[in-house]
């Protein structure tokens, strides 16, 4: 079969509830990324402030790039119930056509994951702001990330 084209290398995707991290998916499998785990957490944590700041200035669920640090960027999305989706990925500095495609793919990724998240949130057995432990949710997030060339 033909190899899928990776549009941008996603590293970590997290969902932050009102106070807590409720979901995390690490995409990068190359071992040298393991050393960056703490740095990734730090970047995502500091980007939360930018998300908070930006979310009050727009009606849009998609916040675009909220933070950059060295070779990585953070894209964010706000759900209807106020949860924050954050995707840490390698920086895209190339020509604008690729940048536009990356933006589009990440927005589509967030949109589909938003639908998956809504299903979890509406489940009577799920308590809002608690860790999402569903293997189905996890495997679907992974599938959506592959669909949009993020891994």
N, C-alpha and C. Protein backbone atom coordinates (compact mmCIF):
# COMPACT_ATOMS: atom_id res chain seq x y z
N UNK A 1 0.82 -1.21 0.00
CA UNK A 1 0.00 0.00 0.00
C UNK A 1 0.85 1.25 0.00
N UNK A 2 0.26 2.34 -0.39
CA UNK A 2 0.98 3.61 -0.40
C UNK A 2 1.12 4.15 1.01
N UNK A 3 2.27 4.74 1.27
CA UNK A 3 2.49 5.32 2.59
C UNK A 3 1.64 6.56 2.77
N UNK A 4 1.08 6.72 3.94
CA UNK A 4 0.31 7.93 4.23
C UNK A 4 1.25 9.10 4.39
N UNK A 5 0.79 10.25 3.99
CA UNK A 5 1.61 11.45 4.12
C UNK A 5 1.32 12.11 5.47
N UNK A 6 2.37 12.29 6.24
CA UNK A 6 2.20 13.00 7.50
C UNK A 6 2.24 14.50 7.19
N UNK A 7 1.20 15.19 7.58
CA UNK A 7 1.09 16.62 7.32
C UNK A 7 1.92 17.39 8.34
N UNK A 8 1.77 17.01 9.59
CA UNK A 8 2.56 17.62 10.66
C UNK A 8 2.70 16.57 11.76
N UNK A 9 3.86 16.52 12.39
CA UNK A 9 4.09 15.51 13.42
C UNK A 9 3.50 15.96 14.75
N UNK A 10 2.39 15.33 15.13
CA UNK A 10 1.77 15.62 16.42
C UNK A 10 2.56 14.89 17.50
N UNK A 11 2.70 15.51 18.65
CA UNK A 11 3.47 14.92 19.74
C UNK A 11 2.57 14.49 20.89
N UNK A 12 1.74 15.40 21.35
CA UNK A 12 0.85 15.10 22.48
C UNK A 12 -0.49 15.80 22.27
N UNK A 13 -1.57 15.10 22.61
CA UNK A 13 -2.90 15.71 22.61
C UNK A 13 -3.46 15.56 24.01
N UNK A 14 -3.96 16.65 24.57
CA UNK A 14 -4.55 16.58 25.91
C UNK A 14 -5.92 17.24 25.92
N UNK A 15 -6.75 16.78 26.87
CA UNK A 15 -8.02 17.44 27.15
C UNK A 15 -7.95 17.87 28.61
N UNK A 16 -8.13 19.17 28.83
CA UNK A 16 -8.11 19.71 30.18
C UNK A 16 -9.54 20.13 30.52
N UNK A 17 -10.06 19.57 31.61
CA UNK A 17 -11.40 19.95 32.07
C UNK A 17 -11.33 21.30 32.74
N UNK A 18 -12.24 21.57 33.62
CA UNK A 18 -12.22 22.88 34.29
C UNK A 18 -10.95 23.05 35.13
N UNK A 19 -10.53 22.00 35.81
CA UNK A 19 -9.33 22.10 36.65
C UNK A 19 -8.30 21.04 36.34
N UNK A 20 -8.76 19.91 35.84
CA UNK A 20 -7.88 18.74 35.74
C UNK A 20 -7.61 18.30 34.32
N UNK A 21 -6.46 17.63 34.15
CA UNK A 21 -6.16 16.94 32.90
C UNK A 21 -7.04 15.70 32.89
N UNK A 22 -7.91 15.56 31.89
CA UNK A 22 -8.81 14.41 31.87
C UNK A 22 -8.42 13.37 30.82
N UNK A 23 -7.55 13.76 29.87
CA UNK A 23 -7.14 12.81 28.85
C UNK A 23 -5.81 13.23 28.26
N UNK A 24 -4.97 12.25 27.97
CA UNK A 24 -3.68 12.53 27.32
C UNK A 24 -3.36 11.41 26.36
N UNK A 25 -2.92 11.79 25.17
CA UNK A 25 -2.47 10.81 24.19
C UNK A 25 -1.14 11.28 23.64
N UNK A 26 -0.12 10.43 23.79
CA UNK A 26 1.20 10.75 23.25
C UNK A 26 1.33 10.08 21.90
N UNK A 27 1.67 10.85 20.88
CA UNK A 27 1.75 10.29 19.53
C UNK A 27 3.17 9.90 19.13
N UNK A 28 4.12 10.76 19.42
CA UNK A 28 5.48 10.54 18.93
C UNK A 28 6.04 9.26 19.52
N UNK A 29 6.47 8.38 18.63
CA UNK A 29 6.95 7.09 19.10
C UNK A 29 8.47 7.03 19.13
N UNK A 30 9.14 7.97 18.45
CA UNK A 30 10.60 7.88 18.44
C UNK A 30 11.14 8.12 19.84
N UNK A 31 12.08 7.28 20.23
CA UNK A 31 12.54 7.25 21.63
C UNK A 31 13.16 8.56 22.10
N UNK A 32 13.74 9.34 21.19
CA UNK A 32 14.35 10.58 21.67
C UNK A 32 13.30 11.59 22.14
N UNK A 33 12.02 11.33 21.85
CA UNK A 33 10.96 12.21 22.36
C UNK A 33 10.72 11.95 23.85
N UNK A 34 11.03 10.75 24.31
CA UNK A 34 10.79 10.42 25.72
C UNK A 34 11.50 11.41 26.65
N UNK A 35 12.67 11.86 26.22
CA UNK A 35 13.42 12.82 27.02
C UNK A 35 12.67 14.15 27.12
N UNK A 36 11.78 14.38 26.17
CA UNK A 36 11.08 15.65 26.12
C UNK A 36 9.75 15.63 26.88
N UNK A 37 9.40 14.51 27.46
CA UNK A 37 8.08 14.38 28.11
C UNK A 37 7.82 15.51 29.11
N UNK A 38 8.81 15.80 29.96
CA UNK A 38 8.62 16.86 30.96
C UNK A 38 8.51 18.23 30.29
N UNK A 39 9.32 18.43 29.25
CA UNK A 39 9.28 19.69 28.52
C UNK A 39 7.93 19.87 27.84
N UNK A 40 7.41 18.78 27.26
CA UNK A 40 6.09 18.83 26.62
C UNK A 40 5.03 19.26 27.62
N UNK A 41 5.09 18.67 28.81
CA UNK A 41 4.13 19.01 29.88
C UNK A 41 4.25 20.48 30.25
N UNK A 42 5.48 20.93 30.36
CA UNK A 42 5.74 22.33 30.71
C UNK A 42 5.15 23.27 29.66
N UNK A 43 5.41 22.96 28.38
CA UNK A 43 4.92 23.80 27.28
C UNK A 43 3.39 23.84 27.28
N UNK A 44 2.77 22.66 27.44
CA UNK A 44 1.30 22.60 27.46
C UNK A 44 0.74 23.37 28.65
N UNK A 45 1.39 23.21 29.79
CA UNK A 45 0.91 23.88 31.00
C UNK A 45 0.99 25.40 30.84
N UNK A 46 2.11 25.88 30.31
CA UNK A 46 2.23 27.34 30.15
C UNK A 46 1.30 27.85 29.05
N UNK A 47 0.99 27.01 28.07
CA UNK A 47 0.07 27.42 26.99
C UNK A 47 -1.36 27.58 27.51
N UNK A 48 -1.67 26.91 28.62
CA UNK A 48 -3.02 27.02 29.20
C UNK A 48 -3.40 28.47 29.49
N UNK A 49 -2.43 29.24 29.96
CA UNK A 49 -2.68 30.66 30.24
C UNK A 49 -3.10 31.40 28.97
N UNK A 50 -2.42 31.06 27.85
CA UNK A 50 -2.73 31.70 26.57
C UNK A 50 -4.13 31.29 26.11
N UNK A 51 -4.49 30.03 26.36
CA UNK A 51 -5.82 29.54 26.00
C UNK A 51 -6.87 30.32 26.77
N UNK A 52 -6.65 30.45 28.08
CA UNK A 52 -7.58 31.20 28.94
C UNK A 52 -7.77 32.62 28.41
N UNK A 53 -6.66 33.24 28.04
CA UNK A 53 -6.69 34.61 27.57
C UNK A 53 -7.46 34.72 26.25
N UNK A 54 -7.15 33.80 25.32
CA UNK A 54 -7.74 33.84 23.98
C UNK A 54 -9.21 33.45 23.94
N UNK A 55 -9.61 32.53 24.81
CA UNK A 55 -10.98 32.02 24.73
C UNK A 55 -12.04 33.07 25.02
N UNK A 56 -11.67 34.11 25.75
CA UNK A 56 -12.64 35.17 26.07
C UNK A 56 -12.72 36.22 24.98
N UNK A 57 -11.79 36.15 24.02
CA UNK A 57 -11.75 37.16 22.96
C UNK A 57 -12.38 36.68 21.65
N UNK A 58 -12.94 35.46 21.65
CA UNK A 58 -13.49 34.93 20.41
C UNK A 58 -14.74 34.09 20.66
N UNK A 59 -15.58 34.00 19.65
CA UNK A 59 -16.75 33.13 19.71
C UNK A 59 -16.40 31.75 19.16
N UNK A 60 -15.28 31.67 18.47
CA UNK A 60 -14.88 30.44 17.79
C UNK A 60 -14.42 29.36 18.76
N UNK A 61 -14.71 28.11 18.45
CA UNK A 61 -14.23 27.00 19.27
C UNK A 61 -12.74 26.78 18.99
N UNK A 62 -12.34 27.05 17.74
CA UNK A 62 -10.95 26.86 17.36
C UNK A 62 -10.15 28.11 17.68
N UNK A 63 -9.10 27.94 18.48
CA UNK A 63 -8.27 29.09 18.87
C UNK A 63 -6.99 29.20 18.04
N UNK A 64 -6.74 28.21 17.18
CA UNK A 64 -5.52 28.23 16.37
C UNK A 64 -4.29 28.02 17.24
N UNK A 65 -3.16 28.57 16.78
CA UNK A 65 -1.91 28.44 17.54
C UNK A 65 -1.97 29.39 18.73
N UNK A 66 -1.83 28.84 19.93
CA UNK A 66 -1.89 29.68 21.12
C UNK A 66 -0.51 29.91 21.73
N UNK A 67 0.46 29.06 21.37
CA UNK A 67 1.79 29.21 21.94
C UNK A 67 2.82 28.51 21.06
N UNK A 68 4.06 29.01 21.12
CA UNK A 68 5.18 28.40 20.40
C UNK A 68 6.36 28.35 21.35
N UNK A 69 7.13 27.29 21.22
CA UNK A 69 8.32 27.17 22.06
C UNK A 69 9.35 26.34 21.30
N UNK A 70 10.51 26.92 21.02
CA UNK A 70 11.53 26.23 20.23
C UNK A 70 10.93 25.63 18.96
N UNK A 71 10.97 24.30 18.81
CA UNK A 71 10.48 23.69 17.57
C UNK A 71 9.04 23.20 17.67
N UNK A 72 8.32 23.61 18.70
CA UNK A 72 6.95 23.11 18.83
C UNK A 72 5.92 24.24 18.91
N UNK A 73 4.69 23.90 18.54
CA UNK A 73 3.57 24.83 18.63
C UNK A 73 2.42 24.13 19.34
N UNK A 74 1.54 24.92 19.92
CA UNK A 74 0.35 24.38 20.57
C UNK A 74 -0.89 24.99 19.90
N UNK A 75 -1.75 24.11 19.39
CA UNK A 75 -3.06 24.51 18.86
C UNK A 75 -4.09 24.23 19.94
N UNK A 76 -5.14 25.02 20.01
CA UNK A 76 -6.16 24.78 21.04
C UNK A 76 -7.57 24.92 20.48
N UNK A 77 -8.49 24.31 21.21
CA UNK A 77 -9.92 24.27 20.85
C UNK A 77 -10.70 24.25 22.16
N UNK A 78 -11.82 24.95 22.20
CA UNK A 78 -12.66 24.97 23.40
C UNK A 78 -13.96 24.25 23.09
N UNK A 79 -14.36 23.33 23.96
CA UNK A 79 -15.63 22.61 23.75
C UNK A 79 -16.79 23.44 24.31
N UNK A 80 -18.00 23.01 23.99
CA UNK A 80 -19.20 23.72 24.46
C UNK A 80 -19.26 23.78 25.99
N UNK A 81 -18.74 22.73 26.66
CA UNK A 81 -18.79 22.73 28.13
C UNK A 81 -17.52 23.32 28.76
N UNK A 82 -16.68 23.94 27.94
CA UNK A 82 -15.51 24.64 28.47
C UNK A 82 -14.25 23.83 28.63
N UNK A 83 -14.26 22.57 28.18
CA UNK A 83 -13.02 21.78 28.23
C UNK A 83 -12.07 22.33 27.16
N UNK A 84 -10.78 22.21 27.42
CA UNK A 84 -9.78 22.70 26.48
C UNK A 84 -9.08 21.52 25.82
N UNK A 85 -9.06 21.51 24.48
CA UNK A 85 -8.27 20.53 23.72
C UNK A 85 -6.98 21.24 23.37
N UNK A 86 -5.85 20.56 23.58
CA UNK A 86 -4.57 21.15 23.20
C UNK A 86 -3.73 20.11 22.47
N UNK A 87 -3.20 20.52 21.32
CA UNK A 87 -2.36 19.63 20.52
C UNK A 87 -0.98 20.24 20.40
N UNK A 88 0.00 19.52 20.91
CA UNK A 88 1.40 19.95 20.80
C UNK A 88 1.96 19.27 19.57
N UNK A 89 2.52 20.05 18.65
CA UNK A 89 3.06 19.46 17.42
C UNK A 89 4.31 20.20 16.99
N UNK A 90 5.07 19.55 16.09
CA UNK A 90 6.28 20.19 15.58
C UNK A 90 5.90 21.44 14.81
N UNK A 91 6.77 22.43 14.90
CA UNK A 91 6.54 23.71 14.28
C UNK A 91 6.45 23.61 12.76
N UNK A 92 5.56 24.39 12.18
CA UNK A 92 5.45 24.44 10.72
C UNK A 92 5.90 25.83 10.29
N UNK A 93 7.07 25.88 9.67
CA UNK A 93 7.59 27.18 9.27
C UNK A 93 7.66 27.29 7.75
N UNK A 94 7.35 26.18 7.05
CA UNK A 94 7.47 26.18 5.60
C UNK A 94 6.47 27.10 4.93
N UNK A 95 6.38 26.95 3.63
CA UNK A 95 5.54 27.81 2.80
C UNK A 95 4.09 27.82 3.30
N UNK A 96 3.41 28.89 2.97
CA UNK A 96 2.07 29.11 3.51
C UNK A 96 1.05 28.05 3.11
N UNK A 97 1.19 27.47 1.93
CA UNK A 97 0.23 26.44 1.49
C UNK A 97 0.20 25.29 2.48
N UNK A 98 1.38 24.88 2.94
CA UNK A 98 1.43 23.77 3.90
C UNK A 98 0.83 24.22 5.24
N UNK A 99 1.16 25.44 5.63
CA UNK A 99 0.64 25.96 6.90
C UNK A 99 -0.89 25.95 6.91
N UNK A 100 -1.48 26.36 5.80
CA UNK A 100 -2.94 26.39 5.67
C UNK A 100 -3.50 24.97 5.79
N UNK A 101 -2.82 24.01 5.15
CA UNK A 101 -3.27 22.61 5.20
C UNK A 101 -3.18 22.07 6.63
N UNK A 102 -2.10 22.40 7.31
CA UNK A 102 -1.91 21.97 8.70
C UNK A 102 -3.05 22.53 9.56
N UNK A 103 -3.31 23.83 9.41
CA UNK A 103 -4.39 24.47 10.17
C UNK A 103 -5.71 23.75 9.94
N UNK A 104 -5.99 23.48 8.67
CA UNK A 104 -7.24 22.83 8.28
C UNK A 104 -7.33 21.43 8.89
N UNK A 105 -6.25 20.67 8.78
CA UNK A 105 -6.24 19.30 9.31
C UNK A 105 -6.40 19.27 10.82
N UNK A 106 -5.73 20.19 11.50
CA UNK A 106 -5.83 20.23 12.96
C UNK A 106 -7.25 20.64 13.37
N UNK A 107 -7.82 21.60 12.65
CA UNK A 107 -9.19 22.03 12.95
C UNK A 107 -10.16 20.86 12.75
N UNK A 108 -9.97 20.09 11.68
CA UNK A 108 -10.82 18.92 11.42
C UNK A 108 -10.63 17.84 12.47
N UNK A 109 -9.37 17.64 12.89
CA UNK A 109 -9.06 16.68 13.96
C UNK A 109 -9.82 17.08 15.23
N UNK A 110 -9.69 18.36 15.62
CA UNK A 110 -10.38 18.85 16.82
C UNK A 110 -11.89 18.68 16.69
N UNK A 111 -12.43 18.99 15.52
CA UNK A 111 -13.87 18.89 15.30
C UNK A 111 -14.38 17.47 15.50
N UNK A 112 -13.65 16.50 14.95
CA UNK A 112 -14.08 15.10 15.11
C UNK A 112 -13.89 14.61 16.54
N UNK A 113 -12.79 15.01 17.16
CA UNK A 113 -12.57 14.61 18.56
C UNK A 113 -13.61 15.28 19.45
N UNK A 114 -14.02 16.49 19.09
CA UNK A 114 -15.07 17.18 19.83
C UNK A 114 -16.36 16.35 19.83
N UNK A 115 -16.69 15.75 18.69
CA UNK A 115 -17.88 14.88 18.61
C UNK A 115 -17.70 13.66 19.51
N UNK A 116 -16.50 13.07 19.48
CA UNK A 116 -16.22 11.90 20.33
C UNK A 116 -16.33 12.28 21.80
N UNK A 117 -15.76 13.45 22.14
CA UNK A 117 -15.78 13.93 23.52
C UNK A 117 -17.22 14.19 23.99
N UNK A 118 -18.03 14.76 23.10
CA UNK A 118 -19.43 15.05 23.45
C UNK A 118 -20.17 13.76 23.82
N UNK A 119 -19.88 12.69 23.08
CA UNK A 119 -20.52 11.40 23.38
C UNK A 119 -20.11 10.90 24.76
N UNK A 120 -18.83 11.06 25.09
CA UNK A 120 -18.34 10.66 26.42
C UNK A 120 -19.02 11.52 27.48
N UNK A 121 -19.02 12.83 27.26
CA UNK A 121 -19.58 13.77 28.25
C UNK A 121 -21.07 13.53 28.50
N UNK A 122 -21.77 13.06 27.48
CA UNK A 122 -23.22 12.81 27.61
C UNK A 122 -23.53 11.45 28.22
N UNK A 123 -22.51 10.61 28.35
CA UNK A 123 -22.71 9.28 28.94
C UNK A 123 -23.07 9.45 30.42
N UNK A 124 -24.19 8.89 30.85
CA UNK A 124 -24.61 9.06 32.26
C UNK A 124 -23.62 8.45 33.27
N UNK A 125 -22.75 7.55 32.80
CA UNK A 125 -21.78 6.93 33.72
C UNK A 125 -20.47 7.72 33.79
N UNK A 126 -20.35 8.75 32.95
CA UNK A 126 -19.14 9.56 32.99
C UNK A 126 -19.41 10.82 33.81
N UNK A 127 -18.53 11.08 34.76
CA UNK A 127 -18.65 12.28 35.57
C UNK A 127 -17.75 13.35 34.96
N UNK A 128 -18.34 14.49 34.60
CA UNK A 128 -17.58 15.58 33.97
C UNK A 128 -16.36 15.94 34.81
N UNK A 129 -15.26 16.23 34.12
CA UNK A 129 -14.00 16.61 34.77
C UNK A 129 -13.28 15.46 35.46
N UNK A 130 -13.64 14.23 35.11
CA UNK A 130 -12.87 13.09 35.63
C UNK A 130 -12.11 12.48 34.45
N UNK A 131 -11.09 11.71 34.76
CA UNK A 131 -10.24 11.12 33.73
C UNK A 131 -11.07 10.21 32.81
N UNK A 132 -10.86 10.38 31.50
CA UNK A 132 -11.54 9.54 30.51
C UNK A 132 -10.73 8.26 30.36
N UNK A 133 -11.32 7.13 30.76
CA UNK A 133 -10.60 5.86 30.74
C UNK A 133 -11.08 4.92 29.63
N UNK A 134 -11.89 5.42 28.72
CA UNK A 134 -12.46 4.59 27.66
C UNK A 134 -11.42 4.23 26.59
N UNK A 135 -11.21 2.91 26.40
CA UNK A 135 -10.28 2.45 25.36
C UNK A 135 -10.83 2.77 23.98
N UNK A 136 -12.15 2.75 23.87
CA UNK A 136 -12.80 3.07 22.59
C UNK A 136 -12.51 4.52 22.22
N UNK A 137 -12.66 5.43 23.18
CA UNK A 137 -12.37 6.84 22.94
C UNK A 137 -10.92 7.00 22.51
N UNK A 138 -10.03 6.35 23.23
CA UNK A 138 -8.60 6.44 22.94
C UNK A 138 -8.29 5.95 21.53
N UNK A 139 -8.81 4.79 21.16
CA UNK A 139 -8.49 4.25 19.84
C UNK A 139 -9.10 5.11 18.73
N UNK A 140 -10.25 5.71 19.02
CA UNK A 140 -10.86 6.61 18.01
C UNK A 140 -10.07 7.90 17.85
N UNK A 141 -9.54 8.43 18.95
CA UNK A 141 -8.70 9.63 18.87
C UNK A 141 -7.47 9.31 18.01
N UNK A 142 -6.88 8.13 18.25
CA UNK A 142 -5.71 7.71 17.47
C UNK A 142 -6.06 7.61 15.99
N UNK A 143 -7.22 7.01 15.70
CA UNK A 143 -7.66 6.84 14.31
C UNK A 143 -7.87 8.19 13.62
N UNK A 144 -8.48 9.13 14.34
CA UNK A 144 -8.73 10.46 13.77
C UNK A 144 -7.39 11.17 13.52
N UNK A 145 -6.43 10.99 14.41
CA UNK A 145 -5.12 11.64 14.22
C UNK A 145 -4.43 11.08 12.97
N UNK A 146 -4.58 9.78 12.73
CA UNK A 146 -4.01 9.19 11.50
C UNK A 146 -4.74 9.69 10.26
N UNK A 147 -6.06 9.79 10.36
CA UNK A 147 -6.89 10.25 9.24
C UNK A 147 -6.43 11.62 8.73
N UNK A 148 -6.04 12.49 9.64
CA UNK A 148 -5.64 13.84 9.25
C UNK A 148 -4.12 14.03 9.16
N UNK A 149 -3.39 12.93 9.09
CA UNK A 149 -1.95 13.02 8.86
C UNK A 149 -1.16 13.66 9.97
N UNK A 150 -1.61 13.44 11.22
CA UNK A 150 -0.90 14.03 12.35
C UNK A 150 0.10 13.07 12.96
N UNK A 151 0.03 11.80 12.58
CA UNK A 151 1.01 10.81 13.07
C UNK A 151 1.40 9.88 11.94
